[in-house]
Amino acid sequence: MIAVFTYVLDSTIASVALPYMAGSFSVTRDESMWILTSYMIACGIMVPMVDWFCKLCGRKAFFIISVLIFTTASMLCGMSHNIEMMIFARILQGAGGGGILPIVQAIMMETFEGKERPKAMAVFGLGVILAPVIGPTLGGWITDNWAWPWIFYINVPLGCIAAILSKKLIFDPPYAKKQKDLKVDVRGFLYLTVWLVTLQVVLDKGNNADWFNADWICWTTLVSVIAAALFFRSQIKYKDTLVDLSVFKDKNFSTGTFIQVVVQGVLYSSLVLLPQFLQGMMGYNASLSGLAIMPRGIGSLISMSICGVIASKLDGRWLTAAGLAMVGAASLIFGSLNLQIASINIVIPNFIMGFGLGLAMIPLISITVQTLKNEQMTNASGLNNLLKTIGGAIGTSLVATMLTRFAQIHQYMMVKHLSELNPEFVRNVQAMTAVFSRIAHPSDANYMANSLIYKQLLQQATLWAFMDAFRLIGIVCFLVIPLVFLLKPSDNSAQSSAH
């Protein structure tokens, strides 16, 4: 769990420090985004290959290797003096980190069974839910008070501790030991790499390039779709492949994974939306923005603690449904905010959203894999985390697009009211012109009045865009609730319900 927390924390902690890194390396903000993109691509490629590498090296050995690679790469990230070295170090860091989460999830699922599993998943949730929430807060505080390299240096002692403890405490069951005569699926690796690299580039750069109005986005998307089709075809048709797709025949796993992908998209899209709203619209700095998001982490911590106690006694599907309803409700509350709000208007829905995420994810993770065999866990965890990574990337990309498009739509709808035929507009212009005439020429004063009103229009259009995006997130949460009841409940839950 030390390794998991450190790995997941790095998926969001660097986002706050991007402007500082861009300044240090003398690059634009768009160029600095490759610091995040390269990490996500490397993680995405490595995650589905975890099961194969575990067979090649032995699961314990590969886990320790992954932790050491991640730790070494973190130190290189902090030491980077140019963008090229940083991107190389982030690719290395993603390659090391990609193996951590699926292996830990598989180990904990196998080690704890029955009534103990929900408690173990509550601890696991500390890493996968709490870490990305506190990442921006911690990253902002470290960047403001120390310097951005320290967001990477803090990984080094934690990584060393995790590797040493893993060497002493973790053991491999027979099916997780090193296997002989293992063949390399070069074809599958090539298709997977092309698919994920092109997909991540399209999702990261699509909004800035105006999506499919740009020829290179169309071609890159086509290459990604073809590579994805060839990858899945190769994994189904041939033997000795990177992944075993037969786990998707399990209804609980396929349905539960889909719901987790949606929740992951909601989690990461909201983590992008809220800081942008607070910093761009409300004037918060990085540290204040991080503190405003902190109640979400507190809510998650409380709900996960509760889940660890009651999850084995109740039907996990109802807990998941209640959690998703709370996340949806909190998103709709965010969708009714304005620019005159107090801090409490941010704190309360944030707490509700965090509480709901913890309540939904802990039982959902358990139910998703409960009908799988232990020897399927590593492979299933790899596929599950691959799809969740893609879900998070799609959610982040969709939010950026929604903000841009919704702002344009609302601007178009409102600008027709800035007309000489609108008496209210004319009165406002005249009043502002009279005020500005005290400090400027009458013609300049009229120009300043019109400019100020147009600026207010743009601000309101952007505010509406944020509100629409939050509302859509809330609606998506409510739409996936019925899918929860397609899952088979855990044996413990079924017995408790019967009693």
Protein backbone atom coordinates (compact mmCIF):
# COMPACT_ATOMS: atom_id res chain seq x y z
CA MET A 1 0.00 0.00 0.00
CA ILE A 2 2.98 2.34 0.48
CA ALA A 3 3.88 1.71 -3.17
CA VAL A 4 0.26 2.14 -4.35
CA PHE A 5 -0.23 5.43 -2.51
CA THR A 6 3.03 6.84 -3.91
CA TYR A 7 2.23 5.72 -7.47
CA VAL A 8 -1.36 7.01 -7.54
CA LEU A 9 -0.33 10.28 -5.87
CA ASP A 10 2.02 10.97 -8.78
CA SER A 11 -0.84 10.80 -11.27
CA THR A 12 -2.21 14.14 -9.97
CA ILE A 13 0.48 15.78 -7.82
CA ALA A 14 2.47 17.01 -10.84
CA SER A 15 -0.50 18.79 -12.46
CA VAL A 16 -0.36 21.71 -9.99
CA ALA A 17 3.36 22.23 -10.60
CA LEU A 18 3.17 22.21 -14.43
CA PRO A 19 3.40 26.03 -14.82
CA TYR A 20 6.51 26.09 -12.59
CA MET A 21 8.13 23.25 -14.56
CA ALA A 22 7.30 25.00 -17.84
CA GLY A 23 9.06 28.11 -16.53
CA SER A 24 12.10 26.14 -15.35
CA PHE A 25 12.48 24.42 -18.73
CA SER A 26 11.57 27.53 -20.79
CA VAL A 27 8.76 25.75 -22.66
CA THR A 28 5.11 26.57 -23.37
CA ARG A 29 2.21 25.16 -21.34
CA ASP A 30 1.25 22.87 -24.25
CA GLU A 31 4.77 21.47 -24.39
CA SER A 32 4.80 20.97 -20.61
CA MET A 33 1.66 18.81 -20.90
CA TRP A 34 3.89 16.05 -22.29
CA ILE A 35 5.18 15.66 -18.72
CA LEU A 36 1.73 14.26 -17.83
CA THR A 37 1.03 12.60 -21.19
CA SER A 38 4.29 10.60 -21.32
CA TYR A 39 3.64 9.23 -17.82
CA MET A 40 0.09 8.14 -18.70
CA ILE A 41 1.19 6.48 -21.97
CA ALA A 42 3.95 4.47 -20.25
CA CYS A 43 1.57 3.39 -17.47
CA GLY A 44 -1.09 2.42 -19.99
CA ILE A 45 1.28 0.24 -22.00
CA MET A 46 2.69 -1.49 -18.92
CA VAL A 47 -0.59 -2.22 -17.06
CA PRO A 48 -2.00 -4.96 -19.36
CA MET A 49 1.44 -6.60 -19.63
CA VAL A 50 1.75 -7.12 -15.87
CA ASP A 51 0.52 -10.71 -15.94
CA TRP A 52 3.05 -11.63 -18.65
CA PHE A 53 5.96 -10.00 -16.79
CA CYS A 54 4.90 -11.76 -13.58
CA LYS A 55 5.17 -15.09 -15.40
CA LEU A 56 8.55 -14.06 -16.81
CA CYS A 57 10.16 -12.89 -13.54
CA GLY A 58 7.86 -14.15 -10.78
CA ARG A 59 5.28 -11.79 -9.31
CA LYS A 60 7.22 -10.78 -6.19
CA ALA A 61 10.40 -10.12 -8.16
CA PHE A 62 8.58 -8.06 -10.81
CA PHE A 63 6.79 -6.04 -8.13
CA ILE A 64 10.08 -5.15 -6.42
CA ILE A 65 11.67 -4.31 -9.81
CA SER A 66 8.70 -2.03 -10.62
CA VAL A 67 8.99 -0.22 -7.27
CA LEU A 68 12.75 0.31 -7.73
CA ILE A 69 12.33 1.57 -11.32
CA PHE A 70 9.61 3.98 -10.16
CA THR A 71 11.79 5.21 -7.27
CA THR A 72 14.88 5.71 -9.44
CA ALA A 73 12.84 7.51 -12.11
CA SER A 74 11.33 9.80 -9.43
CA MET A 75 14.83 10.88 -8.43
CA LEU A 76 15.70 11.52 -12.11
CA CYS A 77 12.51 13.63 -12.47
CA GLY A 78 13.61 15.87 -9.61
CA MET A 79 17.13 16.19 -11.09
CA SER A 80 15.89 17.09 -14.61
CA HIS A 81 17.24 20.32 -16.08
CA ASN A 82 15.44 20.24 -19.45
CA ILE A 83 12.15 19.02 -20.88
CA GLU A 84 13.76 16.12 -22.77
CA MET A 85 15.28 14.61 -19.60
CA MET A 86 12.02 15.13 -17.71
CA ILE A 87 9.95 13.35 -20.37
CA PHE A 88 12.43 10.44 -20.45
CA ALA A 89 12.31 10.17 -16.64
CA ARG A 90 8.49 10.32 -16.64
CA ILE A 91 8.30 7.52 -19.24
CA LEU A 92 10.59 5.44 -17.03
CA GLN A 93 8.51 6.34 -13.98
CA GLY A 94 5.29 5.33 -15.74
CA ALA A 95 6.83 2.03 -16.88
CA GLY A 96 7.78 1.24 -13.28
CA GLY A 97 4.53 2.48 -11.76
CA GLY A 98 2.29 0.66 -14.25
CA GLY A 99 3.06 -2.68 -12.64
CA ILE A 100 2.37 -1.60 -9.06
CA LEU A 101 -1.42 -1.14 -8.89
CA PRO A 102 -2.57 -4.38 -10.62
CA ILE A 103 -0.12 -6.54 -8.62
CA VAL A 104 -1.13 -5.01 -5.28
CA GLN A 105 -4.83 -5.39 -6.11
CA ALA A 106 -4.29 -9.05 -7.04
CA ILE A 107 -2.21 -9.78 -3.91
CA MET A 108 -4.79 -8.21 -1.59
CA MET A 109 -7.70 -9.98 -3.29
CA GLU A 110 -5.94 -13.34 -2.95
CA THR A 111 -4.68 -12.81 0.61
CA PHE A 112 -8.00 -11.63 2.07
CA GLU A 113 -11.15 -13.60 1.34
CA GLY A 114 -14.71 -13.73 2.63
CA LYS A 115 -15.53 -11.17 5.33
CA GLU A 116 -11.93 -9.92 5.43
CA ARG A 117 -11.93 -8.79 1.78
CA PRO A 118 -14.07 -5.62 2.23
CA LYS A 119 -11.74 -4.49 5.03
CA ALA A 120 -8.73 -5.05 2.76
CA MET A 121 -10.44 -3.14 -0.05
CA ALA A 122 -11.11 -0.25 2.32
CA VAL A 123 -7.35 -0.01 2.91
CA PHE A 124 -6.75 -0.39 -0.84
CA GLY A 125 -9.20 2.47 -1.41
CA LEU A 126 -6.93 4.76 0.60
CA GLY A 127 -4.51 4.53 -2.30
CA VAL A 128 -6.76 4.57 -5.35
CA ILE A 129 -9.29 7.20 -4.15
CA LEU A 130 -7.62 9.29 -1.43
CA ALA A 131 -4.23 9.73 -3.12
CA PRO A 132 -5.46 11.45 -6.33
CA VAL A 133 -7.69 13.72 -4.23
CA ILE A 134 -4.92 14.98 -1.92
CA GLY A 135 -2.38 15.07 -4.79
CA PRO A 136 -3.21 18.65 -5.90
CA THR A 137 -3.28 19.85 -2.27
CA LEU A 138 0.09 18.34 -1.42
CA GLY A 139 1.58 19.34 -4.77
CA GLY A 140 0.46 22.96 -4.34
CA TRP A 141 1.83 23.17 -0.80
CA ILE A 142 5.21 21.64 -1.72
CA THR A 143 5.54 23.82 -4.83
CA ASP A 144 4.67 27.03 -2.95
CA ASN A 145 6.80 26.33 0.15
CA TRP A 146 9.75 24.28 -1.19
CA ALA A 147 10.29 23.75 -4.93
CA TRP A 148 8.69 21.54 -7.58
CA PRO A 149 11.51 18.86 -7.64
CA TRP A 150 10.46 17.86 -4.11
CA ILE A 151 7.13 16.48 -5.37
CA PHE A 152 9.31 13.75 -6.92
CA TYR A 153 12.02 13.47 -4.25
CA ILE A 154 9.44 12.53 -1.57
CA ASN A 155 8.90 9.27 -3.50
CA VAL A 156 12.49 8.10 -2.97
CA PRO A 157 12.45 7.15 0.75
CA LEU A 158 8.91 5.73 0.45
CA GLY A 159 9.92 3.62 -2.56
CA CYS A 160 12.99 2.25 -0.76
CA ILE A 161 10.89 1.32 2.30
CA ALA A 162 8.28 -0.38 0.08
CA ALA A 163 10.95 -2.42 -1.76
CA ILE A 164 12.66 -3.57 1.47
CA LEU A 165 9.38 -4.56 3.16
CA SER A 166 8.20 -6.35 0.00
CA LYS A 167 11.40 -8.40 -0.06
CA LYS A 168 10.79 -9.52 3.54
CA LEU A 169 7.00 -9.87 3.77
CA ILE A 170 5.51 -10.78 0.37
CA PHE A 171 5.54 -14.34 -1.00
CA ASP A 172 4.45 -15.91 -4.30
CA PRO A 173 1.78 -18.64 -4.46
CA PRO A 174 2.61 -21.49 -6.91
CA TYR A 175 0.71 -19.96 -9.86
CA ALA A 176 2.54 -16.60 -9.45
CA LYS A 177 6.07 -18.04 -9.60
CA LYS A 178 8.45 -17.68 -12.54
CA GLN A 179 7.46 -19.82 -15.52
CA LYS A 180 9.81 -21.47 -18.02
CA ASP A 181 9.64 -21.43 -21.82
CA LEU A 182 7.53 -18.27 -21.87
CA LYS A 183 7.04 -16.87 -25.38
CA VAL A 184 7.17 -13.17 -26.21
CA ASP A 185 4.02 -11.77 -27.86
CA VAL A 186 5.83 -9.23 -30.04
CA ARG A 187 2.76 -8.74 -32.23
CA GLY A 188 0.51 -7.92 -29.29
CA PHE A 189 3.06 -5.59 -27.71
CA LEU A 190 3.45 -3.63 -30.97
CA TYR A 191 -0.32 -3.24 -31.48
CA LEU A 192 -0.83 -2.26 -27.82
CA THR A 193 1.91 0.37 -27.93
CA VAL A 194 0.63 1.98 -31.15
CA TRP A 195 -2.97 1.93 -29.87
CA LEU A 196 -2.28 3.57 -26.50
CA VAL A 197 0.28 6.12 -27.74
CA THR A 198 -2.02 7.38 -30.53
CA LEU A 199 -5.10 7.32 -28.28
CA GLN A 200 -3.39 9.39 -25.57
CA VAL A 201 -2.10 11.91 -28.12
CA VAL A 202 -5.60 12.31 -29.60
CA LEU A 203 -7.21 12.76 -26.17
CA ASP A 204 -4.55 15.23 -24.97
CA LYS A 205 -4.21 17.34 -28.11
CA GLY A 206 -7.65 16.93 -29.72
CA ASN A 207 -9.34 19.89 -28.04
CA ASN A 208 -6.53 22.33 -28.88
CA ALA A 209 -6.50 21.10 -32.51
CA ASP A 210 -10.32 21.45 -32.83
CA TRP A 211 -10.71 17.66 -32.94
CA PHE A 212 -11.73 16.18 -36.29
CA ASN A 213 -11.47 19.49 -38.10
CA ALA A 214 -7.71 18.81 -38.04
CA ASP A 215 -6.51 16.24 -40.58
CA TRP A 216 -3.76 14.87 -38.33
CA ILE A 217 -6.27 14.14 -35.56
CA CYS A 218 -8.41 12.17 -38.04
CA TRP A 219 -5.44 10.11 -39.24
CA THR A 220 -4.12 9.52 -35.72
CA THR A 221 -7.58 8.40 -34.57
CA LEU A 222 -7.81 5.99 -37.53
CA VAL A 223 -4.42 4.49 -36.67
CA SER A 224 -5.50 4.13 -33.02
CA VAL A 225 -8.77 2.36 -33.93
CA ILE A 226 -7.02 -0.02 -36.33
CA ALA A 227 -4.26 -0.80 -33.79
CA ALA A 228 -6.88 -1.45 -31.07
CA ALA A 229 -8.83 -3.80 -33.37
CA LEU A 230 -5.64 -5.67 -34.32
CA PHE A 231 -4.59 -5.94 -30.66
CA PHE A 232 -7.87 -7.48 -29.51
CA ARG A 233 -7.97 -9.76 -32.57
CA SER A 234 -4.45 -11.02 -31.84
CA GLN A 235 -5.27 -11.65 -28.17
CA ILE A 236 -8.33 -13.70 -29.12
CA LYS A 237 -6.88 -15.58 -32.11
CA TYR A 238 -3.37 -16.58 -30.99
CA LYS A 239 -1.94 -18.49 -28.03
CA ASP A 240 0.68 -17.23 -25.51
CA THR A 241 -0.68 -13.67 -25.66
CA LEU A 242 -0.03 -10.66 -23.42
CA VAL A 243 -3.48 -10.78 -21.82
CA ASP A 244 -6.27 -13.32 -21.41
CA LEU A 245 -9.53 -11.71 -22.55
CA SER A 246 -11.63 -14.68 -21.43
CA VAL A 247 -12.15 -12.98 -18.04
CA PHE A 248 -14.66 -10.68 -19.76
CA LYS A 249 -17.00 -13.68 -20.09
CA ASP A 250 -17.55 -13.25 -16.36
CA LYS A 251 -20.62 -10.97 -16.06
CA ASN A 252 -19.57 -9.49 -12.72
CA PHE A 253 -16.11 -8.61 -14.01
CA SER A 254 -17.24 -7.06 -17.31
CA THR A 255 -20.15 -5.09 -15.78
CA GLY A 256 -18.19 -4.05 -12.70
CA THR A 257 -15.22 -2.94 -14.80
CA PHE A 258 -17.50 -0.79 -16.99
CA ILE A 259 -18.96 0.93 -13.91
CA GLN A 260 -15.45 1.48 -12.49
CA VAL A 261 -14.33 3.02 -15.79
CA VAL A 262 -17.25 5.50 -15.62
CA VAL A 263 -16.50 6.33 -11.96
CA GLN A 264 -12.81 6.82 -12.81
CA GLY A 265 -13.82 9.23 -15.57
CA VAL A 266 -16.03 11.11 -13.10
CA LEU A 267 -13.26 11.23 -10.47
CA TYR A 268 -10.58 12.62 -12.79
CA SER A 269 -12.87 14.97 -14.72
CA SER A 270 -14.11 16.52 -11.45
CA LEU A 271 -10.50 16.83 -10.25
CA VAL A 272 -9.79 18.83 -13.41
CA LEU A 273 -12.98 20.91 -13.32
CA LEU A 274 -12.99 22.13 -9.73
CA PRO A 275 -9.42 23.55 -9.52
CA GLN A 276 -9.94 25.32 -12.86
CA PHE A 277 -13.18 26.82 -11.60
CA LEU A 278 -11.66 27.93 -8.29
CA GLN A 279 -8.47 29.37 -9.81
CA GLY A 280 -9.91 30.72 -13.07
CA MET A 281 -13.29 32.03 -11.89
CA MET A 282 -12.95 32.54 -8.11
CA GLY A 283 -9.35 33.80 -7.98
CA TYR A 284 -7.96 31.08 -5.67
CA ASN A 285 -4.22 30.33 -5.74
CA ALA A 286 -2.82 26.77 -5.99
CA SER A 287 -2.64 26.24 -2.22
CA LEU A 288 -6.15 27.57 -1.49
CA SER A 289 -7.55 25.54 -4.38
CA GLY A 290 -5.95 22.41 -2.97
CA LEU A 291 -7.31 23.13 0.52
CA ALA A 292 -10.82 23.61 -0.90
CA ILE A 293 -10.63 20.11 -2.41
CA MET A 294 -9.34 18.55 0.84
CA PRO A 295 -12.86 17.84 2.26
CA ARG A 296 -13.28 15.31 -0.55
CA GLY A 297 -10.36 13.34 0.85
CA ILE A 298 -11.79 13.57 4.38
CA GLY A 299 -15.17 12.32 3.14
CA SER A 300 -13.50 9.40 1.32
CA LEU A 301 -11.49 8.49 4.42
CA ILE A 302 -14.60 8.41 6.63
CA SER A 303 -16.71 6.40 4.18
CA MET A 304 -13.93 3.88 3.55
CA SER A 305 -13.54 3.36 7.29
CA ILE A 306 -17.28 2.75 7.57
CA CYS A 307 -17.22 0.41 4.54
CA GLY A 308 -14.47 -1.68 6.11
CA VAL A 309 -16.82 -2.41 9.02
CA ILE A 310 -20.26 -2.77 7.38
CA ALA A 311 -19.50 -3.95 3.81
CA SER A 312 -19.42 -7.64 4.80
CA LYS A 313 -22.81 -7.31 6.55
CA LEU A 314 -24.75 -5.50 3.80
CA ASP A 315 -25.40 -6.02 0.11
CA GLY A 316 -22.50 -4.23 -1.58
CA ARG A 317 -24.70 -3.30 -4.54
CA TRP A 318 -26.86 -1.03 -2.37
CA LEU A 319 -23.76 0.63 -0.88
CA THR A 320 -22.41 1.22 -4.41
CA ALA A 321 -25.75 2.62 -5.61
CA ALA A 322 -25.98 4.93 -2.57
CA GLY A 323 -22.41 6.13 -3.18
CA LEU A 324 -23.06 6.85 -6.86
CA ALA A 325 -26.25 8.73 -5.93
CA MET A 326 -24.24 10.90 -3.49
CA VAL A 327 -21.60 11.64 -6.15
CA GLY A 328 -24.36 12.53 -8.62
CA ALA A 329 -26.12 14.77 -6.09
CA ALA A 330 -22.88 16.56 -5.20
CA SER A 331 -22.17 17.17 -8.90
CA LEU A 332 -25.64 18.67 -9.37
CA ILE A 333 -25.01 20.94 -6.35
CA PHE A 334 -21.78 22.11 -8.02
CA GLY A 335 -23.88 22.71 -11.13
CA SER A 336 -25.92 25.38 -9.29
CA LEU A 337 -23.05 27.56 -8.03
CA ASN A 338 -22.33 31.19 -8.94
CA LEU A 339 -19.51 33.69 -8.44
CA GLN A 340 -20.92 35.05 -5.15
CA ILE A 341 -20.55 31.79 -3.20
CA ALA A 342 -18.78 31.31 0.14
CA SER A 343 -16.18 28.64 0.84
CA ILE A 344 -18.78 26.46 2.61
CA ASN A 345 -20.59 26.09 -0.74
CA ILE A 346 -17.49 24.30 -2.04
CA VAL A 347 -16.67 22.35 1.13
CA ILE A 348 -20.05 20.63 1.65
CA PRO A 349 -20.57 19.14 -1.85
CA ASN A 350 -16.88 18.19 -1.93
CA PHE A 351 -17.29 16.22 1.29
CA ILE A 352 -20.46 14.55 -0.05
CA MET A 353 -18.69 13.61 -3.30
CA GLY A 354 -15.70 12.15 -1.44
CA PHE A 355 -17.98 10.21 0.92
CA GLY A 356 -19.91 8.85 -2.05
CA LEU A 357 -16.77 7.81 -3.96
CA GLY A 358 -15.49 5.80 -1.00
CA LEU A 359 -18.90 4.25 -0.40
CA ALA A 360 -19.26 3.24 -4.06
CA MET A 361 -15.78 2.01 -4.93
CA ILE A 362 -14.90 -0.26 -1.98
CA PRO A 363 -17.75 -2.79 -2.40
CA LEU A 364 -17.65 -2.40 -6.19
CA ILE A 365 -13.99 -3.48 -6.40
CA SER A 366 -14.78 -6.59 -4.32
CA ILE A 367 -17.92 -7.57 -6.25
CA THR A 368 -16.22 -7.09 -9.63
CA VAL A 369 -13.68 -9.89 -9.05
CA GLN A 370 -15.47 -12.11 -6.53
CA THR A 371 -16.47 -14.73 -9.12
CA LEU A 372 -12.92 -15.03 -10.57
CA LYS A 373 -10.35 -17.64 -9.54
CA ASN A 374 -7.22 -16.54 -7.66
CA GLU A 375 -4.94 -17.44 -10.59
CA GLN A 376 -6.98 -15.04 -12.80
CA MET A 377 -6.55 -12.07 -10.45
CA THR A 378 -3.29 -10.63 -11.80
CA ASN A 379 -4.45 -10.71 -15.42
CA ALA A 380 -7.91 -9.37 -14.50
CA SER A 381 -6.42 -6.56 -12.39
CA GLY A 382 -4.19 -5.54 -15.31
CA LEU A 383 -7.11 -5.33 -17.75
CA ASN A 384 -9.30 -3.59 -15.18
CA ASN A 385 -6.69 -0.91 -14.48
CA LEU A 386 -5.90 -0.44 -18.18
CA LEU A 387 -9.52 0.37 -18.92
CA LYS A 388 -9.78 2.63 -15.85
CA THR A 389 -6.69 4.54 -17.03
CA ILE A 390 -8.33 5.04 -20.43
CA GLY A 391 -11.57 6.07 -18.68
CA GLY A 392 -9.73 8.72 -16.67
CA ALA A 393 -8.03 10.06 -19.81
CA ILE A 394 -11.32 10.20 -21.74
CA GLY A 395 -13.07 11.94 -18.83
CA THR A 396 -10.33 14.57 -18.60
CA SER A 397 -10.41 15.16 -22.37
CA LEU A 398 -14.20 15.39 -22.52
CA VAL A 399 -14.22 17.99 -19.73
CA ALA A 400 -11.75 20.20 -21.59
CA THR A 401 -13.89 19.95 -24.74
CA MET A 402 -17.15 20.59 -22.88
CA LEU A 403 -15.78 23.74 -21.25
CA THR A 404 -14.68 25.13 -24.62
CA ARG A 405 -17.82 24.20 -26.58
CA PHE A 406 -20.37 25.08 -23.87
CA ALA A 407 -18.72 28.49 -23.35
CA GLN A 408 -18.98 29.15 -27.10
CA ILE A 409 -22.65 28.11 -27.15
CA HIS A 410 -23.58 30.34 -24.20
CA GLN A 411 -21.59 33.24 -25.61
CA TYR A 412 -23.48 32.89 -28.90
CA MET A 413 -26.81 32.78 -27.03
CA MET A 414 -26.06 35.88 -24.92
CA VAL A 415 -24.25 38.12 -27.38
CA LYS A 416 -27.47 38.87 -29.30
CA HIS A 417 -28.65 40.80 -26.24
CA LEU A 418 -25.72 43.25 -26.58
CA SER A 419 -27.63 45.29 -29.12
CA GLU A 420 -28.75 48.90 -29.49
CA LEU A 421 -32.29 47.48 -29.66
CA ASN A 422 -32.01 46.27 -26.06
CA PRO A 423 -32.93 49.17 -23.73
CA GLU A 424 -31.27 47.51 -20.71
CA PHE A 425 -27.98 47.22 -22.58
CA VAL A 426 -28.18 50.85 -23.72
CA ARG A 427 -28.86 52.08 -20.15
CA ASN A 428 -25.89 50.10 -18.78
CA VAL A 429 -23.54 51.40 -21.46
CA GLN A 430 -24.61 54.97 -20.81
CA ALA A 431 -24.20 54.61 -17.04
CA MET A 432 -20.71 53.07 -17.36
CA THR A 433 -19.69 55.63 -19.98
CA ALA A 434 -20.63 58.43 -17.59
CA VAL A 435 -18.43 56.88 -14.91
CA PHE A 436 -15.44 56.35 -17.23
CA SER A 437 -15.82 59.88 -18.68
CA ARG A 438 -14.38 61.19 -15.42
CA ILE A 439 -11.01 59.64 -16.24
CA ALA A 440 -11.03 59.33 -20.05
CA HIS A 441 -12.17 60.99 -23.29
CA PRO A 442 -15.91 60.38 -24.03
CA SER A 443 -15.14 58.15 -27.05
CA ASP A 444 -12.63 56.14 -25.00
CA ALA A 445 -15.11 55.97 -22.12
CA ASN A 446 -17.75 54.45 -24.44
CA TYR A 447 -15.23 51.87 -25.68
CA MET A 448 -14.27 50.98 -22.11
CA ALA A 449 -17.93 50.56 -21.13
CA ASN A 450 -18.63 48.19 -24.04
CA SER A 451 -15.43 46.23 -23.31
CA LEU A 452 -16.36 45.79 -19.64
CA ILE A 453 -19.84 44.51 -20.50
CA TYR A 454 -18.40 42.07 -23.06
CA LYS A 455 -15.89 40.84 -20.48
CA GLN A 456 -18.78 40.20 -18.07
CA LEU A 457 -20.55 38.27 -20.84
CA LEU A 458 -17.50 36.04 -21.39
CA GLN A 459 -17.26 35.44 -17.65
CA GLN A 460 -20.91 34.39 -17.45
CA ALA A 461 -20.58 32.16 -20.53
CA THR A 462 -17.60 30.39 -18.93
CA LEU A 463 -19.47 30.06 -15.63
CA TRP A 464 -22.41 28.43 -17.42
CA ALA A 465 -19.99 26.05 -19.15
CA PHE A 466 -18.62 24.89 -15.78
CA MET A 467 -22.14 24.45 -14.42
CA ASP A 468 -23.25 22.41 -17.47
CA ALA A 469 -20.18 20.16 -17.17
CA PHE A 470 -20.87 19.48 -13.48
CA ARG A 471 -24.53 18.70 -14.24
CA LEU A 472 -23.58 16.23 -16.97
CA ILE A 473 -21.24 14.44 -14.55
CA GLY A 474 -24.13 14.17 -12.09
CA ILE A 475 -26.49 12.78 -14.73
CA VAL A 476 -23.91 10.16 -15.80
CA CYS A 477 -23.62 8.97 -12.17
CA PHE A 478 -27.38 8.46 -11.90
CA LEU A 479 -27.52 6.69 -15.28
CA VAL A 480 -25.05 3.94 -14.26
CA ILE A 481 -26.83 3.13 -10.97
CA PRO A 482 -29.21 0.55 -12.61
CA LEU A 483 -26.17 -1.35 -13.94
CA VAL A 484 -25.04 -2.01 -10.35
CA PHE A 485 -27.99 -4.38 -9.84
CA LEU A 486 -26.88 -6.53 -12.79
CA LEU A 487 -23.99 -7.65 -10.58
CA LYS A 488 -24.21 -10.85 -8.55
CA PRO A 489 -24.02 -9.93 -4.83
CA SER A 490 -21.24 -11.34 -2.67
CA ASP A 491 -22.00 -14.55 -0.79
CA ASN A 492 -21.65 -12.76 2.56
CA SER A 493 -24.05 -10.04 1.48
CA ALA A 494 -26.58 -12.57 0.25
CA GLN A 495 -26.43 -14.49 3.53
CA SER A 496 -26.79 -11.29 5.59
CA SER A 497 -29.82 -10.25 3.50
CA ALA A 498 -31.40 -13.69 4.00
CA HIS A 499 -30.96 -13.48 7.78
